[in-house]
């Protein structure tokens, strides 16, 4: 496999074939991870930094997301409920 078809994990530096791994696009930046473990480590650190930088805004976004997820779960449960 040629060098062009290989990419490097931004967390651990492991080189792996293009098309494998996890790709995240955040604000136009393509972030590449070789495993879900590396992606989760990155996201954990990223969220921790966000909270430090702007706790109020993160809190509002979190509340909005939790509300949306709750509504989606409720709708899904209603769809799954047996109708007599």
PDB file of N, CA and C in Angstrom:
ATOM      1  N   UNK A   1       0.852  -1.185   0.000  1.00  0.00           N
ATOM      2  CA  UNK A   1       0.000   0.000   0.000  1.00  0.00           C
ATOM      3  C   UNK A   1       0.889   1.237   0.000  1.00  0.00           C
ATOM      4  N   UNK A   2       0.555   2.193  -0.838  1.00  0.00           N
ATOM      5  CA  UNK A   2       1.378   3.402  -0.959  1.00  0.00           C
ATOM      6  C   UNK A   2       1.210   4.310   0.249  1.00  0.00           C
ATOM      7  N   UNK A   3       2.172   5.180   0.428  1.00  0.00           N
ATOM      8  CA  UNK A   3       2.142   6.132   1.550  1.00  0.00           C
ATOM      9  C   UNK A   3       0.962   7.078   1.449  1.00  0.00           C
ATOM     10  N   UNK A   4       0.499   7.365   0.202  1.00  0.00           N
ATOM     11  CA  UNK A   4      -0.626   8.276   0.008  1.00  0.00           C
ATOM     12  C   UNK A   4      -1.905   7.742   0.642  1.00  0.00           C
ATOM     13  N   UNK A   5      -2.043   6.448   0.685  1.00  0.00           N
ATOM     14  CA  UNK A   5      -3.267   5.827   1.181  1.00  0.00           C
ATOM     15  C   UNK A   5      -3.205   5.506   2.668  1.00  0.00           C
ATOM     16  N   UNK A   6      -2.293   6.150   3.379  1.00  0.00           N
ATOM     17  CA  UNK A   6      -2.169   5.902   4.817  1.00  0.00           C
ATOM     18  C   UNK A   6      -2.335   7.225   5.560  1.00  0.00           C
ATOM     19  N   UNK A   7      -2.974   7.162   6.715  1.00  0.00           N
ATOM     20  CA  UNK A   7      -3.194   8.363   7.518  1.00  0.00           C
ATOM     21  C   UNK A   7      -2.759   8.097   8.956  1.00  0.00           C
ATOM     22  N   UNK A   8      -2.584   9.180   9.727  1.00  0.00           N
ATOM     23  CA  UNK A   8      -2.069   9.059  11.093  1.00  0.00           C
ATOM     24  C   UNK A   8      -3.114   9.541  12.098  1.00  0.00           C
ATOM     25  N   UNK A   9      -3.309   8.758  13.153  1.00  0.00           N
ATOM     26  CA  UNK A   9      -4.217   9.103  14.246  1.00  0.00           C
ATOM     27  C   UNK A   9      -3.676  10.332  14.968  1.00  0.00           C
ATOM     28  N   UNK A  10      -4.536  11.322  15.212  1.00  0.00           N
ATOM     29  CA  UNK A  10      -4.069  12.545  15.871  1.00  0.00           C
ATOM     30  C   UNK A  10      -3.854  12.362  17.375  1.00  0.00           C
ATOM     31  N   UNK A  11      -4.367  11.267  17.944  1.00  0.00           N
ATOM     32  CA  UNK A  11      -4.186  11.034  19.380  1.00  0.00           C
ATOM     33  C   UNK A  11      -2.938  10.218  19.675  1.00  0.00           C
ATOM     34  N   UNK A  12      -2.790   9.081  19.002  1.00  0.00           N
ATOM     35  CA  UNK A  12      -1.691   8.171  19.345  1.00  0.00           C
ATOM     36  C   UNK A  12      -0.591   8.126  18.299  1.00  0.00           C
ATOM     37  N   UNK A  13      -0.860   8.682  17.114  1.00  0.00           N
ATOM     38  CA  UNK A  13       0.155   8.704  16.069  1.00  0.00           C
ATOM     39  C   UNK A  13       0.242   7.442  15.229  1.00  0.00           C
ATOM     40  N   UNK A  14      -0.632   6.472  15.500  1.00  0.00           N
ATOM     41  CA  UNK A  14      -0.607   5.223  14.732  1.00  0.00           C
ATOM     42  C   UNK A  14      -0.991   5.506  13.275  1.00  0.00           C
ATOM     43  N   UNK A  15      -0.257   4.883  12.354  1.00  0.00           N
ATOM     44  CA  UNK A  15      -0.522   5.031  10.926  1.00  0.00           C
ATOM     45  C   UNK A  15      -1.369   3.840  10.488  1.00  0.00           C
ATOM     46  N   UNK A  16      -2.425   4.137   9.706  1.00  0.00           N
ATOM     47  CA  UNK A  16      -3.340   3.087   9.272  1.00  0.00           C
ATOM     48  C   UNK A  16      -3.895   3.416   7.896  1.00  0.00           C
ATOM     49  N   UNK A  17      -4.456   2.408   7.198  1.00  0.00           N
ATOM     50  CA  UNK A  17      -4.961   2.633   5.843  1.00  0.00           C
ATOM     51  C   UNK A  17      -6.143   3.597   5.805  1.00  0.00           C
ATOM     52  N   UNK A  18      -6.162   4.427   4.762  1.00  0.00           N
ATOM     53  CA  UNK A  18      -7.266   5.345   4.554  1.00  0.00           C
ATOM     54  C   UNK A  18      -8.547   4.537   4.358  1.00  0.00           C
ATOM     55  N   UNK A  19      -9.651   5.005   4.930  1.00  0.00           N
ATOM     56  CA  UNK A  19     -10.918   4.278   4.840  1.00  0.00           C
ATOM     57  C   UNK A  19     -11.230   3.509   6.108  1.00  0.00           C
ATOM     58  N   UNK A  20     -10.251   3.363   6.974  1.00  0.00           N
ATOM     59  CA  UNK A  20     -10.475   2.727   8.268  1.00  0.00           C
ATOM     60  C   UNK A  20     -10.470   3.809   9.336  1.00  0.00           C
ATOM     61  N   UNK A  21     -10.819   3.430  10.543  1.00  0.00           N
ATOM     62  CA  UNK A  21     -10.782   4.372  11.640  1.00  0.00           C
ATOM     63  C   UNK A  21     -12.022   5.240  11.701  1.00  0.00           C
ATOM     64  N   UNK A  22     -11.919   6.309  12.459  1.00  0.00           N
ATOM     65  CA  UNK A  22     -13.044   7.213  12.699  1.00  0.00           C
ATOM     66  C   UNK A  22     -12.661   8.602  12.225  1.00  0.00           C
ATOM     67  N   UNK A  23     -13.570   9.213  11.487  1.00  0.00           N
ATOM     68  CA  UNK A  23     -13.347  10.542  10.945  1.00  0.00           C
ATOM     69  C   UNK A  23     -14.401  11.488  11.505  1.00  0.00           C
ATOM     70  N   UNK A  24     -13.955  12.578  12.124  1.00  0.00           N
ATOM     71  CA  UNK A  24     -14.857  13.611  12.623  1.00  0.00           C
ATOM     72  C   UNK A  24     -14.548  14.905  11.899  1.00  0.00           C
ATOM     73  N   UNK A  25     -15.587  15.637  11.570  1.00  0.00           N
ATOM     74  CA  UNK A  25     -15.413  16.937  10.940  1.00  0.00           C
ATOM     75  C   UNK A  25     -15.983  17.976  11.901  1.00  0.00           C
ATOM     76  N   UNK A  26     -15.101  18.743  12.514  1.00  0.00           N
ATOM     77  CA  UNK A  26     -15.518  19.775  13.469  1.00  0.00           C
ATOM     78  C   UNK A  26     -15.035  21.117  12.951  1.00  0.00           C
ATOM     79  N   UNK A  27     -15.951  22.016  12.722  1.00  0.00           N
ATOM     80  CA  UNK A  27     -15.689  23.362  12.181  1.00  0.00           C
ATOM     81  C   UNK A  27     -14.784  23.324  10.954  1.00  0.00           C
ATOM     82  N   UNK A  28     -15.049  22.372  10.073  1.00  0.00           N
ATOM     83  CA  UNK A  28     -14.291  22.283   8.832  1.00  0.00           C
ATOM     84  C   UNK A  28     -12.951  21.590   8.957  1.00  0.00           C
ATOM     85  N   UNK A  29     -12.610  21.152  10.148  1.00  0.00           N
ATOM     86  CA  UNK A  29     -11.342  20.439  10.354  1.00  0.00           C
ATOM     87  C   UNK A  29     -11.615  18.946  10.385  1.00  0.00           C
ATOM     88  N   UNK A  30     -10.867  18.222   9.597  1.00  0.00           N
ATOM     89  CA  UNK A  30     -11.020  16.772   9.530  1.00  0.00           C
ATOM     90  C   UNK A  30     -10.105  16.139  10.577  1.00  0.00           C
ATOM     91  N   UNK A  31     -10.714  15.479  11.552  1.00  0.00           N
ATOM     92  CA  UNK A  31      -9.960  14.837  12.623  1.00  0.00           C
ATOM     93  C   UNK A  31     -10.025  13.323  12.417  1.00  0.00           C
ATOM     94  N   UNK A  32      -8.867  12.661  12.440  1.00  0.00           N
ATOM     95  CA  UNK A  32      -8.787  11.242  12.130  1.00  0.00           C
ATOM     96  C   UNK A  32      -8.273  10.474  13.341  1.00  0.00           C
ATOM     97  N   UNK A  33      -8.976   9.389  13.687  1.00  0.00           N
ATOM     98  CA  UNK A  33      -8.609   8.534  14.813  1.00  0.00           C
ATOM     99  C   UNK A  33      -8.582   7.093  14.342  1.00  0.00           C
ATOM    100  N   UNK A  34      -7.638   6.311  14.853  1.00  0.00           N
ATOM    101  CA  UNK A  34      -7.549   4.925  14.399  1.00  0.00           C
ATOM    102  C   UNK A  34      -8.525   4.014  15.133  1.00  0.00           C
ATOM    103  N   UNK A  35      -9.066   4.464  16.274  1.00  0.00           N
ATOM    104  CA  UNK A  35      -9.993   3.611  17.026  1.00  0.00           C
ATOM    105  C   UNK A  35     -10.996   4.467  17.794  1.00  0.00           C
ATOM    106  N   UNK A  36     -12.068   3.816  18.247  1.00  0.00           N
ATOM    107  CA  UNK A  36     -13.060   4.552  19.041  1.00  0.00           C
ATOM    108  C   UNK A  36     -12.464   4.979  20.377  1.00  0.00           C
ATOM    109  N   UNK A  37     -11.489   4.243  20.863  1.00  0.00           N
ATOM    110  CA  UNK A  37     -10.830   4.603  22.126  1.00  0.00           C
ATOM    111  C   UNK A  37     -10.110   5.951  21.986  1.00  0.00           C
ATOM    112  N   UNK A  38      -9.391   6.134  20.884  1.00  0.00           N
ATOM    113  CA  UNK A  38      -8.700   7.408  20.650  1.00  0.00           C
ATOM    114  C   UNK A  38      -9.707   8.538  20.437  1.00  0.00           C
ATOM    115  N   UNK A  39     -10.780   8.267  19.701  1.00  0.00           N
ATOM    116  CA  UNK A  39     -11.805   9.281  19.460  1.00  0.00           C
ATOM    117  C   UNK A  39     -12.455   9.701  20.775  1.00  0.00           C
ATOM    118  N   UNK A  40     -12.751   8.738  21.640  1.00  0.00           N
ATOM    119  CA  UNK A  40     -13.382   9.042  22.921  1.00  0.00           C
ATOM    120  C   UNK A  40     -12.439   9.840  23.822  1.00  0.00           C
ATOM    121  N   UNK A  41     -11.166   9.487  23.826  1.00  0.00           N
ATOM    122  CA  UNK A  41     -10.177  10.253  24.609  1.00  0.00           C
ATOM    123  C   UNK A  41     -10.153  11.708  24.145  1.00  0.00           C
ATOM    124  N   UNK A  42     -10.119  11.894  22.819  1.00  0.00           N
ATOM    125  CA  UNK A  42     -10.106  13.252  22.267  1.00  0.00           C
ATOM    126  C   UNK A  42     -11.364  14.012  22.660  1.00  0.00           C
ATOM    127  N   UNK A  43     -12.526  13.396  22.450  1.00  0.00           N
ATOM    128  CA  UNK A  43     -13.790  14.081  22.737  1.00  0.00           C
ATOM    129  C   UNK A  43     -13.917  14.425  24.216  1.00  0.00           C
ATOM    130  N   UNK A  44     -13.444  13.551  25.085  1.00  0.00           N
ATOM    131  CA  UNK A  44     -13.475  13.833  26.519  1.00  0.00           C
ATOM    132  C   UNK A  44     -12.646  15.076  26.835  1.00  0.00           C
ATOM    133  N   UNK A  45     -11.434  15.115  26.309  1.00  0.00           N
ATOM    134  CA  UNK A  45     -10.561  16.276  26.552  1.00  0.00           C
ATOM    135  C   UNK A  45     -11.125  17.537  25.911  1.00  0.00           C
ATOM    136  N   UNK A  46     -11.711  17.399  24.732  1.00  0.00           N
ATOM    137  CA  UNK A  46     -12.302  18.534  24.025  1.00  0.00           C
ATOM    138  C   UNK A  46     -13.446  19.131  24.840  1.00  0.00           C
ATOM    139  N   UNK A  47     -14.325  18.287  25.348  1.00  0.00           N
ATOM    140  CA  UNK A  47     -15.468  18.751  26.149  1.00  0.00           C
ATOM    141  C   UNK A  47     -14.982  19.391  27.442  1.00  0.00           C
ATOM    142  N   UNK A  48     -13.978  18.797  28.076  1.00  0.00           N
ATOM    143  CA  UNK A  48     -13.437  19.381  29.305  1.00  0.00           C
ATOM    144  C   UNK A  48     -12.906  20.794  29.040  1.00  0.00           C
ATOM    145  N   UNK A  49     -12.218  20.991  27.915  1.00  0.00           N
ATOM    146  CA  UNK A  49     -11.712  22.312  27.555  1.00  0.00           C
ATOM    147  C   UNK A  49     -12.851  23.286  27.286  1.00  0.00           C
ATOM    148  N   UNK A  50     -13.895  22.818  26.592  1.00  0.00           N
ATOM    149  CA  UNK A  50     -15.043  23.682  26.323  1.00  0.00           C
ATOM    150  C   UNK A  50     -15.675  24.173  27.618  1.00  0.00           C
ATOM    151  N   UNK A  51     -15.821  23.281  28.575  1.00  0.00           N
ATOM    152  CA  UNK A  51     -16.444  23.638  29.853  1.00  0.00           C
ATOM    153  C   UNK A  51     -15.588  24.679  30.568  1.00  0.00           C
ATOM    154  N   UNK A  52     -14.288  24.516  30.527  1.00  0.00           N
ATOM    155  CA  UNK A  52     -13.397  25.489  31.174  1.00  0.00           C
ATOM    156  C   UNK A  52     -13.511  26.850  30.490  1.00  0.00           C
ATOM    157  N   UNK A  53     -13.568  26.850  29.160  1.00  0.00           N
ATOM    158  CA  UNK A  53     -13.589  28.099  28.391  1.00  0.00           C
ATOM    159  C   UNK A  53     -14.912  28.859  28.515  1.00  0.00           C
ATOM    160  N   UNK A  54     -16.039  28.134  28.438  1.00  0.00           N
ATOM    161  CA  UNK A  54     -17.342  28.814  28.429  1.00  0.00           C
ATOM    162  C   UNK A  54     -18.400  27.932  29.079  1.00  0.00           C
ATOM    163  N   UNK A  55     -18.349  27.874  30.392  1.00  0.00           N
ATOM    164  CA  UNK A  55     -19.224  26.991  31.161  1.00  0.00           C
ATOM    165  C   UNK A  55     -20.711  27.284  30.920  1.00  0.00           C
ATOM    166  N   UNK A  56     -21.093  28.556  30.865  1.00  0.00           N
ATOM    167  CA  UNK A  56     -22.507  28.915  30.696  1.00  0.00           C
ATOM    168  C   UNK A  56     -23.062  28.449  29.355  1.00  0.00           C
ATOM    169  N   UNK A  57     -22.310  28.699  28.301  1.00  0.00           N
ATOM    170  CA  UNK A  57     -22.770  28.305  26.968  1.00  0.00           C
ATOM    171  C   UNK A  57     -22.856  26.780  26.856  1.00  0.00           C
ATOM    172  N   UNK A  58     -21.865  26.078  27.378  1.00  0.00           N
ATOM    173  CA  UNK A  58     -21.865  24.612  27.345  1.00  0.00           C
ATOM    174  C   UNK A  58     -23.070  24.084  28.112  1.00  0.00           C
ATOM    175  N   UNK A  59     -23.384  24.703  29.232  1.00  0.00           N
ATOM    176  CA  UNK A  59     -24.533  24.286  30.033  1.00  0.00           C
ATOM    177  C   UNK A  59     -25.834  24.436  29.260  1.00  0.00           C
ATOM    178  N   UNK A  60     -25.990  25.549  28.559  1.00  0.00           N
ATOM    179  CA  UNK A  60     -27.205  25.778  27.764  1.00  0.00           C
ATOM    180  C   UNK A  60     -27.323  24.750  26.640  1.00  0.00           C
ATOM    181  N   UNK A  61     -26.222  24.493  25.944  1.00  0.00           N
ATOM    182  CA  UNK A  61     -26.233  23.521  24.852  1.00  0.00           C
ATOM    183  C   UNK A  61     -26.538  22.125  25.393  1.00  0.00           C
ATOM    184  N   UNK A  62     -25.950  21.776  26.536  1.00  0.00           N
ATOM    185  CA  UNK A  62     -26.200  20.474  27.147  1.00  0.00           C
ATOM    186  C   UNK A  62     -27.665  20.324  27.532  1.00  0.00           C
ATOM    187  N   UNK A  63     -28.246  21.352  28.138  1.00  0.00           N
ATOM    188  CA  UNK A  63     -29.669  21.303  28.506  1.00  0.00           C
ATOM    189  C   UNK A  63     -30.542  21.101  27.272  1.00  0.00           C
ATOM    190  N   UNK A  64     -30.235  21.818  26.202  1.00  0.00           N
ATOM    191  CA  UNK A  64     -31.004  21.711  24.957  1.00  0.00           C
ATOM    192  C   UNK A  64     -30.883  20.302  24.370  1.00  0.00           C
ATOM    193  N   UNK A  65     -29.678  19.761  24.357  1.00  0.00           N
ATOM    194  CA  UNK A  65     -29.460  18.416  23.818  1.00  0.00           C
ATOM    195  C   UNK A  65     -30.176  17.362  24.652  1.00  0.00           C
ATOM    196  N   UNK A  66     -30.085  17.468  25.964  1.00  0.00           N
ATOM    197  CA  UNK A  66     -30.760  16.502  26.832  1.00  0.00           C
ATOM    198  C   UNK A  66     -32.272  16.544  26.640  1.00  0.00           C
ATOM    199  N   UNK A  67     -32.833  17.741  26.472  1.00  0.00           N
ATOM    200  CA  UNK A  67     -34.263  17.888  26.224  1.00  0.00           C
ATOM    201  C   UNK A  67     -34.649  17.234  24.895  1.00  0.00           C
ATOM    202  N   UNK A  68     -33.859  17.479  23.860  1.00  0.00           N
ATOM    203  CA  UNK A  68     -34.123  16.892  22.544  1.00  0.00           C
ATOM    204  C   UNK A  68     -34.065  15.370  22.605  1.00  0.00           C
ATOM    205  N   UNK A  69     -33.043  14.839  23.263  1.00  0.00           N
ATOM    206  CA  UNK A  69     -32.915  13.381  23.386  1.00  0.00           C
ATOM    207  C   UNK A  69     -34.084  12.783  24.157  1.00  0.00           C
ATOM    208  N   UNK A  70     -34.523  13.464  25.194  1.00  0.00           N
ATOM    209  CA  UNK A  70     -35.665  12.994  25.976  1.00  0.00           C
ATOM    210  C   UNK A  70     -36.926  12.946  25.131  1.00  0.00           C
ATOM    211  N   UNK A  71     -37.138  14.002  24.338  1.00  0.00           N
ATOM    212  CA  UNK A  71     -38.314  14.044  23.458  1.00  0.00           C
ATOM    213  C   UNK A  71     -38.249  12.942  22.404  1.00  0.00           C
ATOM    214  N   UNK A  72     -37.073  12.701  21.846  1.00  0.00           N
ATOM    215  CA  UNK A  72     -36.915  11.650  20.842  1.00  0.00           C
ATOM    216  C   UNK A  72     -37.202  10.276  21.444  1.00  0.00           C
ATOM    217  N   UNK A  73     -36.710  10.036  22.657  1.00  0.00           N
ATOM    218  CA  UNK A  73     -36.979   8.758  23.350  1.00  0.00           C
ATOM    219  C   UNK A  73     -38.462   8.576  23.605  1.00  0.00           C
ATOM    220  N   UNK A  74     -39.120   9.650  24.034  1.00  0.00           N
ATOM    221  CA  UNK A  74     -40.548   9.608  24.314  1.00  0.00           C
ATOM    222  C   UNK A  74     -41.338   9.262  23.050  1.00  0.00           C
ATOM    223  N   UNK A  75     -40.985   9.917  21.932  1.00  0.00           N
ATOM    224  CA  UNK A  75     -41.658   9.641  20.661  1.00  0.00           C
ATOM    225  C   UNK A  75     -41.427   8.200  20.229  1.00  0.00           C
ATOM    226  N   UNK A  76     -40.223   7.706  20.405  1.00  0.00           N
ATOM    227  CA  UNK A  76     -39.904   6.335  20.031  1.00  0.00           C
ATOM    228  C   UNK A  76     -40.702   5.342  20.876  1.00  0.00           C
ATOM    229  N   UNK A  77     -40.816   5.616  22.174  1.00  0.00           N
ATOM    230  CA  UNK A  77     -41.600   4.739  23.052  1.00  0.00           C
ATOM    231  C   UNK A  77     -43.063   4.732  22.654  1.00  0.00           C
ATOM    232  N   UNK A  78     -43.590   5.888  22.259  1.00  0.00           N
ATOM    233  CA  UNK A  78     -44.986   5.968  21.817  1.00  0.00           C
ATOM    234  C   UNK A  78     -45.199   5.158  20.540  1.00  0.00           C
ATOM    235  N   UNK A  79     -44.225   5.199  19.643  1.00  0.00           N
ATOM    236  CA  UNK A  79     -44.341   4.429  18.408  1.00  0.00           C
ATOM    237  C   UNK A  79     -44.282   2.926  18.672  1.00  0.00           C
ATOM    238  N   UNK A  80     -43.466   2.549  19.645  1.00  0.00           N
ATOM    239  CA  UNK A  80     -43.292   1.137  19.957  1.00  0.00           C
ATOM    240  C   UNK A  80     -44.443   0.566  20.791  1.00  0.00           C
ATOM    241  N   UNK A  81     -45.193   1.451  21.454  1.00  0.00           N
ATOM    242  CA  UNK A  81     -46.272   0.992  22.324  1.00  0.00           C
ATOM    243  C   UNK A  81     -47.332   0.264  21.498  1.00  0.00           C
ATOM    244  N   UNK A  82     -47.862  -0.796  22.062  1.00  0.00           N
ATOM    245  CA  UNK A  82     -48.910  -1.554  21.383  1.00  0.00           C
ATOM    246  C   UNK A  82     -50.179  -0.730  21.344  1.00  0.00           C
ATOM    247  N   UNK A  83     -50.794  -0.753  20.197  1.00  0.00           N
ATOM    248  CA  UNK A  83     -52.049  -0.025  20.046  1.00  0.00           C
ATOM    249  C   UNK A  83     -53.173  -1.047  19.932  1.00  0.00           C
ATOM    250  N   UNK A  84     -54.141  -0.876  20.778  1.00  0.00           N
ATOM    251  CA  UNK A  84     -55.273  -1.821  20.795  1.00  0.00           C
ATOM    252  C   UNK A  84     -56.508  -1.143  20.244  1.00  0.00           C
TER     253      UNK A  84
END
